[in-house]
Amino acid sequence: MRLVLHTGAYSRTLTVRDAIPTTRDLAKAELATLPLCLIKIAARVVETVSRVRLAFAAACPEAALFRGLPEALAPPGQ
């Protein structure tokens, strides 16, 4: 079961890395670097009926990248 979960996490991390624009340094980063730069960022989450909003600190270096990832990860046609 752990192998299946790790395989899914690896696949999801590859999907996120492929969605990062090639002009960014993280587009060619190792998979161990992505959680350090993207997942371990503090943000305030505000949930409403129709959307989820993330409020980053003013000094967050990857805030612009987070704004573009949902469109890049969305299925085609949505």
PDB file of N, CA and C in Angstrom:
ATOM      1  N   MET A   1       0.822  -1.188   0.000  1.00  0.00           N
ATOM      2  CA  MET A   1       0.000   0.000   0.000  1.00  0.00           C
ATOM      3  C   MET A   1       0.870   1.258   0.000  1.00  0.00           C
ATOM      4  N   ARG A   2       1.962   1.217   0.748  1.00  0.00           N
ATOM      5  CA  ARG A   2       2.836   2.386   0.775  1.00  0.00           C
ATOM      6  C   ARG A   2       3.445   2.663  -0.591  1.00  0.00           C
ATOM      7  N   LEU A   3       3.769   1.613  -1.325  1.00  0.00           N
ATOM      8  CA  LEU A   3       4.328   1.789  -2.665  1.00  0.00           C
ATOM      9  C   LEU A   3       3.324   2.477  -3.581  1.00  0.00           C
ATOM     10  N   VAL A   4       2.059   2.109  -3.488  1.00  0.00           N
ATOM     11  CA  VAL A   4       1.020   2.736  -4.307  1.00  0.00           C
ATOM     12  C   VAL A   4       0.886   4.210  -3.946  1.00  0.00           C
ATOM     13  N   LEU A   5       0.899   4.534  -2.656  1.00  0.00           N
ATOM     14  CA  LEU A   5       0.790   5.932  -2.234  1.00  0.00           C
ATOM     15  C   LEU A   5       1.992   6.756  -2.677  1.00  0.00           C
ATOM     16  N   HIS A   6       3.187   6.193  -2.543  1.00  0.00           N
ATOM     17  CA  HIS A   6       4.386   6.906  -2.977  1.00  0.00           C
ATOM     18  C   HIS A   6       4.422   7.092  -4.491  1.00  0.00           C
ATOM     19  N   THR A   7       3.941   6.109  -5.222  1.00  0.00           N
ATOM     20  CA  THR A   7       3.879   6.231  -6.678  1.00  0.00           C
ATOM     21  C   THR A   7       2.914   7.343  -7.081  1.00  0.00           C
ATOM     22  N   GLY A   8       1.779   7.417  -6.403  1.00  0.00           N
ATOM     23  CA  GLY A   8       0.820   8.496  -6.677  1.00  0.00           C
ATOM     24  C   GLY A   8       1.389   9.864  -6.347  1.00  0.00           C
ATOM     25  N   ALA A   9       2.088   9.973  -5.231  1.00  0.00           N
ATOM     26  CA  ALA A   9       2.694  11.251  -4.850  1.00  0.00           C
ATOM     27  C   ALA A   9       3.780  11.652  -5.848  1.00  0.00           C
ATOM     28  N   TYR A  10       4.572  10.698  -6.302  1.00  0.00           N
ATOM     29  CA  TYR A  10       5.609  10.968  -7.286  1.00  0.00           C
ATOM     30  C   TYR A  10       4.990  11.456  -8.597  1.00  0.00           C
ATOM     31  N   SER A  11       3.936  10.785  -9.023  1.00  0.00           N
ATOM     32  CA  SER A  11       3.264  11.175 -10.259  1.00  0.00           C
ATOM     33  C   SER A  11       2.681  12.583 -10.143  1.00  0.00           C
ATOM     34  N   ARG A  12       2.081  12.892  -9.001  1.00  0.00           N
ATOM     35  CA  ARG A  12       1.483  14.222  -8.800  1.00  0.00           C
ATOM     36  C   ARG A  12       2.561  15.302  -8.766  1.00  0.00           C
ATOM     37  N   THR A  13       3.693  14.996  -8.152  1.00  0.00           N
ATOM     38  CA  THR A  13       4.789  15.960  -8.103  1.00  0.00           C
ATOM     39  C   THR A  13       5.347  16.209  -9.500  1.00  0.00           C
ATOM     40  N   LEU A  14       5.443  15.177 -10.316  1.00  0.00           N
ATOM     41  CA  LEU A  14       5.889  15.361 -11.702  1.00  0.00           C
ATOM     42  C   LEU A  14       4.904  16.231 -12.484  1.00  0.00           C
ATOM     43  N   THR A  15       3.608  16.037 -12.238  1.00  0.00           N
ATOM     44  CA  THR A  15       2.588  16.841 -12.912  1.00  0.00           C
ATOM     45  C   THR A  15       2.727  18.305 -12.543  1.00  0.00           C
ATOM     46  N   VAL A  16       2.961  18.576 -11.273  1.00  0.00           N
ATOM     47  CA  VAL A  16       3.136  19.965 -10.831  1.00  0.00           C
ATOM     48  C   VAL A  16       4.398  20.554 -11.440  1.00  0.00           C
ATOM     49  N   ARG A  17       5.489  19.793 -11.451  1.00  0.00           N
ATOM     50  CA  ARG A  17       6.736  20.307 -12.025  1.00  0.00           C
ATOM     51  C   ARG A  17       6.580  20.589 -13.516  1.00  0.00           C
ATOM     52  N   ASP A  18       5.830  19.753 -14.222  1.00  0.00           N
ATOM     53  CA  ASP A  18       5.617  19.980 -15.656  1.00  0.00           C
ATOM     54  C   ASP A  18       4.731  21.190 -15.913  1.00  0.00           C
ATOM     55  N   ALA A  19       3.904  21.566 -14.947  1.00  0.00           N
ATOM     56  CA  ALA A  19       3.015  22.720 -15.112  1.00  0.00           C
ATOM     57  C   ALA A  19       3.720  24.043 -14.833  1.00  0.00           C
ATOM     58  N   ILE A  20       4.895  24.004 -14.238  1.00  0.00           N
ATOM     59  CA  ILE A  20       5.644  25.231 -13.948  1.00  0.00           C
ATOM     60  C   ILE A  20       6.235  25.753 -15.249  1.00  0.00           C
ATOM     61  N   PRO A  21       6.079  27.050 -15.523  1.00  0.00           N
ATOM     62  CA  PRO A  21       6.652  27.613 -16.756  1.00  0.00           C
ATOM     63  C   PRO A  21       8.158  27.377 -16.826  1.00  0.00           C
ATOM     64  N   THR A  22       8.644  27.163 -18.039  1.00  0.00           N
ATOM     65  CA  THR A  22      10.064  26.831 -18.216  1.00  0.00           C
ATOM     66  C   THR A  22      10.999  27.982 -17.889  1.00  0.00           C
ATOM     67  N   THR A  23      10.472  29.189 -17.785  1.00  0.00           N
ATOM     68  CA  THR A  23      11.333  30.326 -17.450  1.00  0.00           C
ATOM     69  C   THR A  23      11.702  30.352 -15.973  1.00  0.00           C
ATOM     70  N   ARG A  24      11.022  29.588 -15.147  1.00  0.00           N
ATOM     71  CA  ARG A  24      11.293  29.543 -13.708  1.00  0.00           C
ATOM     72  C   ARG A  24      12.369  28.507 -13.415  1.00  0.00           C
ATOM     73  N   ASP A  25      13.121  28.727 -12.353  1.00  0.00           N
ATOM     74  CA  ASP A  25      14.158  27.771 -11.959  1.00  0.00           C
ATOM     75  C   ASP A  25      13.567  26.448 -11.479  1.00  0.00           C
ATOM     76  N   LEU A  26      12.371  26.490 -10.904  1.00  0.00           N
ATOM     77  CA  LEU A  26      11.761  25.271 -10.380  1.00  0.00           C
ATOM     78  C   LEU A  26      11.293  24.316 -11.468  1.00  0.00           C
ATOM     79  N   ALA A  27      11.252  24.757 -12.713  1.00  0.00           N
ATOM     80  CA  ALA A  27      10.809  23.881 -13.802  1.00  0.00           C
ATOM     81  C   ALA A  27      11.774  22.724 -14.022  1.00  0.00           C
ATOM     82  N   LYS A  28      13.025  22.897 -13.654  1.00  0.00           N
ATOM     83  CA  LYS A  28      14.023  21.849 -13.817  1.00  0.00           C
ATOM     84  C   LYS A  28      14.581  21.390 -12.471  1.00  0.00           C
ATOM     85  N   ALA A  29      13.871  21.706 -11.394  1.00  0.00           N
ATOM     86  CA  ALA A  29      14.340  21.343 -10.053  1.00  0.00           C
ATOM     87  C   ALA A  29      14.167  19.849  -9.801  1.00  0.00           C
ATOM     88  N   GLU A  30      14.959  19.345  -8.875  1.00  0.00           N
ATOM     89  CA  GLU A  30      14.798  17.954  -8.473  1.00  0.00           C
ATOM     90  C   GLU A  30      13.497  17.809  -7.701  1.00  0.00           C
ATOM     91  N   LEU A  31      12.984  16.594  -7.676  1.00  0.00           N
ATOM     92  CA  LEU A  31      11.694  16.375  -7.029  1.00  0.00           C
ATOM     93  C   LEU A  31      11.759  16.622  -5.525  1.00  0.00           C
ATOM     94  N   ALA A  32      12.904  16.470  -4.905  1.00  0.00           N
ATOM     95  CA  ALA A  32      13.020  16.730  -3.471  1.00  0.00           C
ATOM     96  C   ALA A  32      12.990  18.233  -3.169  1.00  0.00           C
ATOM     97  N   THR A  33      13.291  19.057  -4.153  1.00  0.00           N
ATOM     98  CA  THR A  33      13.308  20.502  -3.962  1.00  0.00           C
ATOM     99  C   THR A  33      11.903  21.092  -4.002  1.00  0.00           C
ATOM    100  N   LEU A  34      11.017  20.521  -4.770  1.00  0.00           N
ATOM    101  CA  LEU A  34       9.662  21.069  -4.911  1.00  0.00           C
ATOM    102  C   LEU A  34       8.904  21.162  -3.595  1.00  0.00           C
ATOM    103  N   PRO A  35       8.892  20.124  -2.758  1.00  0.00           N
ATOM    104  CA  PRO A  35       8.178  20.290  -1.482  1.00  0.00           C
ATOM    105  C   PRO A  35       8.769  21.392  -0.614  1.00  0.00           C
ATOM    106  N   LEU A  36      10.080  21.567  -0.666  1.00  0.00           N
ATOM    107  CA  LEU A  36      10.701  22.610   0.142  1.00  0.00           C
ATOM    108  C   LEU A  36      10.304  24.005  -0.327  1.00  0.00           C
ATOM    109  N   CYS A  37      10.148  24.167  -1.625  1.00  0.00           N
ATOM    110  CA  CYS A  37       9.844  25.493  -2.177  1.00  0.00           C
ATOM    111  C   CYS A  37       8.355  25.766  -2.340  1.00  0.00           C
ATOM    112  N   LEU A  38       7.548  24.749  -2.559  1.00  0.00           N
ATOM    113  CA  LEU A  38       6.133  24.975  -2.849  1.00  0.00           C
ATOM    114  C   LEU A  38       5.186  24.521  -1.744  1.00  0.00           C
ATOM    115  N   ILE A  39       5.445  23.386  -1.158  1.00  0.00           N
ATOM    116  CA  ILE A  39       4.490  22.838  -0.202  1.00  0.00           C
ATOM    117  C   ILE A  39       4.664  23.442   1.182  1.00  0.00           C
ATOM    118  N   LYS A  40       5.877  23.743   1.580  1.00  0.00           N
ATOM    119  CA  LYS A  40       6.124  24.252   2.915  1.00  0.00           C
ATOM    120  C   LYS A  40       6.099  25.779   2.954  1.00  0.00           C
ATOM    121  N   ILE A  41       5.047  26.371   2.411  1.00  0.00           N
ATOM    122  CA  ILE A  41       4.875  27.821   2.428  1.00  0.00           C
ATOM    123  C   ILE A  41       3.625  28.128   3.235  1.00  0.00           C
ATOM    124  N   ALA A  42       3.756  29.050   4.168  1.00  0.00           N
ATOM    125  CA  ALA A  42       2.610  29.422   4.995  1.00  0.00           C
ATOM    126  C   ALA A  42       1.686  30.354   4.217  1.00  0.00           C
ATOM    127  N   ALA A  43       0.408  30.106   4.319  1.00  0.00           N
ATOM    128  CA  ALA A  43      -0.592  30.942   3.664  1.00  0.00           C
ATOM    129  C   ALA A  43      -1.879  30.877   4.478  1.00  0.00           C
ATOM    130  N   ARG A  44      -2.634  31.931   4.428  1.00  0.00           N
ATOM    131  CA  ARG A  44      -3.940  31.937   5.075  1.00  0.00           C
ATOM    132  C   ARG A  44      -4.957  31.459   4.040  1.00  0.00           C
ATOM    133  N   VAL A  45      -5.755  30.475   4.414  1.00  0.00           N
ATOM    134  CA  VAL A  45      -6.756  29.897   3.511  1.00  0.00           C
ATOM    135  C   VAL A  45      -8.122  30.434   3.905  1.00  0.00           C
ATOM    136  N   VAL A  46      -8.819  31.042   2.928  1.00  0.00           N
ATOM    137  CA  VAL A  46     -10.165  31.559   3.147  1.00  0.00           C
ATOM    138  C   VAL A  46     -11.101  30.810   2.201  1.00  0.00           C
ATOM    139  N   GLU A  47     -12.029  30.059   2.769  1.00  0.00           N
ATOM    140  CA  GLU A  47     -12.958  29.275   1.968  1.00  0.00           C
ATOM    141  C   GLU A  47     -14.317  29.969   1.935  1.00  0.00           C
ATOM    142  N   THR A  48     -14.863  30.117   0.738  1.00  0.00           N
ATOM    143  CA  THR A  48     -16.222  30.611   0.571  1.00  0.00           C
ATOM    144  C   THR A  48     -17.020  29.536  -0.153  1.00  0.00           C
ATOM    145  N   VAL A  49     -18.246  29.825  -0.470  1.00  0.00           N
ATOM    146  CA  VAL A  49     -19.087  28.828  -1.133  1.00  0.00           C
ATOM    147  C   VAL A  49     -18.559  28.498  -2.522  1.00  0.00           C
ATOM    148  N   SER A  50     -18.057  29.487  -3.242  1.00  0.00           N
ATOM    149  CA  SER A  50     -17.696  29.269  -4.638  1.00  0.00           C
ATOM    150  C   SER A  50     -16.197  29.179  -4.907  1.00  0.00           C
ATOM    151  N   ARG A  51     -15.343  29.500  -3.922  1.00  0.00           N
ATOM    152  CA  ARG A  51     -13.905  29.466  -4.196  1.00  0.00           C
ATOM    153  C   ARG A  51     -13.091  29.324  -2.925  1.00  0.00           C
ATOM    154  N   VAL A  52     -11.840  29.011  -3.120  1.00  0.00           N
ATOM    155  CA  VAL A  52     -10.865  28.952  -2.038  1.00  0.00           C
ATOM    156  C   VAL A  52      -9.796  29.984  -2.362  1.00  0.00           C
ATOM    157  N   ARG A  53      -9.533  30.887  -1.433  1.00  0.00           N
ATOM    158  CA  ARG A  53      -8.533  31.935  -1.660  1.00  0.00           C
ATOM    159  C   ARG A  53      -7.345  31.704  -0.748  1.00  0.00           C
ATOM    160  N   LEU A  54      -6.155  31.914  -1.277  1.00  0.00           N
ATOM    161  CA  LEU A  54      -4.925  31.801  -0.506  1.00  0.00           C
ATOM    162  C   LEU A  54      -4.326  33.181  -0.351  1.00  0.00           C
ATOM    163  N   ALA A  55      -4.003  33.554   0.872  1.00  0.00           N
ATOM    164  CA  ALA A  55      -3.370  34.842   1.144  1.00  0.00           C
ATOM    165  C   ALA A  55      -1.930  34.579   1.579  1.00  0.00           C
ATOM    166  N   PHE A  56      -0.996  34.964   0.734  1.00  0.00           N
ATOM    167  CA  PHE A  56       0.423  34.772   1.018  1.00  0.00           C
ATOM    168  C   PHE A  56       1.000  36.010   1.692  1.00  0.00           C
ATOM    169  N   ALA A  57       2.121  35.834   2.350  1.00  0.00           N
ATOM    170  CA  ALA A  57       2.838  36.969   2.931  1.00  0.00           C
ATOM    171  C   ALA A  57       3.379  37.841   1.804  1.00  0.00           C
ATOM    172  N   ALA A  58       3.594  39.095   2.093  1.00  0.00           N
ATOM    173  CA  ALA A  58       4.094  40.018   1.074  1.00  0.00           C
ATOM    174  C   ALA A  58       5.479  39.613   0.576  1.00  0.00           C
ATOM    175  N   ALA A  59       6.240  38.914   1.384  1.00  0.00           N
ATOM    176  CA  ALA A  59       7.594  38.519   1.003  1.00  0.00           C
ATOM    177  C   ALA A  59       7.671  37.107   0.426  1.00  0.00           C
ATOM    178  N   CYS A  60       6.558  36.507   0.090  1.00  0.00           N
ATOM    179  CA  CYS A  60       6.552  35.143  -0.457  1.00  0.00           C
ATOM    180  C   CYS A  60       7.185  35.153  -1.854  1.00  0.00           C
ATOM    181  N   PRO A  61       8.281  34.415  -2.050  1.00  0.00           N
ATOM    182  CA  PRO A  61       8.971  34.476  -3.336  1.00  0.00           C
ATOM    183  C   PRO A  61       8.239  33.763  -4.468  1.00  0.00           C
ATOM    184  N   GLU A  62       7.352  32.845  -4.166  1.00  0.00           N
ATOM    185  CA  GLU A  62       6.692  32.054  -5.198  1.00  0.00           C
ATOM    186  C   GLU A  62       5.203  32.364  -5.332  1.00  0.00           C
ATOM    187  N   ALA A  63       4.739  33.517  -4.870  1.00  0.00           N
ATOM    188  CA  ALA A  63       3.309  33.851  -4.928  1.00  0.00           C
ATOM    189  C   ALA A  63       2.812  33.918  -6.375  1.00  0.00           C
ATOM    190  N   ALA A  64       3.599  34.480  -7.266  1.00  0.00           N
ATOM    191  CA  ALA A  64       3.188  34.580  -8.673  1.00  0.00           C
ATOM    192  C   ALA A  64       3.065  33.188  -9.302  1.00  0.00           C
ATOM    193  N   LEU A  65       3.926  32.280  -8.923  1.00  0.00           N
ATOM    194  CA  LEU A  65       3.861  30.915  -9.436  1.00  0.00           C
ATOM    195  C   LEU A  65       2.584  30.231  -8.960  1.00  0.00           C
ATOM    196  N   PHE A  66       2.198  30.435  -7.715  1.00  0.00           N
ATOM    197  CA  PHE A  66       0.969  29.837  -7.196  1.00  0.00           C
ATOM    198  C   PHE A  66      -0.267  30.375  -7.910  1.00  0.00           C
ATOM    199  N   ARG A  67      -0.235  31.621  -8.351  1.00  0.00           N
ATOM    200  CA  ARG A  67      -1.380  32.172  -9.083  1.00  0.00           C
ATOM    201  C   ARG A  67      -1.575  31.488 -10.432  1.00  0.00           C
ATOM    202  N   GLY A  68      -0.500  31.074 -11.069  1.00  0.00           N
ATOM    203  CA  GLY A  68      -0.598  30.481 -12.399  1.00  0.00           C
ATOM    204  C   GLY A  68      -0.792  28.967 -12.418  1.00  0.00           C
ATOM    205  N   LEU A  69      -0.487  28.279 -11.318  1.00  0.00           N
ATOM    206  CA  LEU A  69      -0.580  26.824 -11.314  1.00  0.00           C
ATOM    207  C   LEU A  69      -2.005  26.283 -11.482  1.00  0.00           C
ATOM    208  N   PRO A  70      -3.045  26.860 -10.888  1.00  0.00           N
ATOM    209  CA  PRO A  70      -4.372  26.267 -11.083  1.00  0.00           C
ATOM    210  C   PRO A  70      -4.811  26.199 -12.558  1.00  0.00           C
ATOM    211  N   GLU A  71      -4.514  27.236 -13.324  1.00  0.00           N
ATOM    212  CA  GLU A  71      -4.883  27.197 -14.743  1.00  0.00           C
ATOM    213  C   GLU A  71      -4.066  26.152 -15.484  1.00  0.00           C
ATOM    214  N   ALA A  72      -2.790  25.999 -15.098  1.00  0.00           N
ATOM    215  CA  ALA A  72      -1.936  25.036 -15.783  1.00  0.00           C
ATOM    216  C   ALA A  72      -2.309  23.600 -15.443  1.00  0.00           C
ATOM    217  N   LEU A  73      -2.841  23.378 -14.251  1.00  0.00           N
ATOM    218  CA  LEU A  73      -3.208  22.025 -13.830  1.00  0.00           C
ATOM    219  C   LEU A  73      -4.637  21.647 -14.140  1.00  0.00           C
ATOM    220  N   ALA A  74      -5.447  22.613 -14.568  1.00  0.00           N
ATOM    221  CA  ALA A  74      -6.852  22.336 -14.867  1.00  0.00           C
ATOM    222  C   ALA A  74      -6.960  21.445 -16.100  1.00  0.00           C
ATOM    223  N   PRO A  75      -7.951  20.566 -16.128  1.00  0.00           N
ATOM    224  CA  PRO A  75      -8.156  19.735 -17.327  1.00  0.00           C
ATOM    225  C   PRO A  75      -8.487  20.594 -18.538  1.00  0.00           C
ATOM    226  N   PRO A  76      -8.126  20.163 -19.739  1.00  0.00           N
ATOM    227  CA  PRO A  76      -8.425  20.947 -20.932  1.00  0.00           C
ATOM    228  C   PRO A  76      -9.931  21.122 -21.105  1.00  0.00           C
ATOM    229  N   GLY A  77     -10.323  22.310 -21.542  1.00  0.00           N
ATOM    230  CA  GLY A  77     -11.729  22.596 -21.795  1.00  0.00           C
ATOM    231  C   GLY A  77     -12.458  23.206 -20.610  1.00  0.00           C
ATOM    232  N   GLN A  78     -11.763  23.469 -19.531  1.00  0.00           N
ATOM    233  CA  GLN A  78     -12.434  24.092 -18.382  1.00  0.00           C
ATOM    234  C   GLN A  78     -11.990  25.497 -18.188  1.00  0.00           C
TER     235      GLN A  78
END
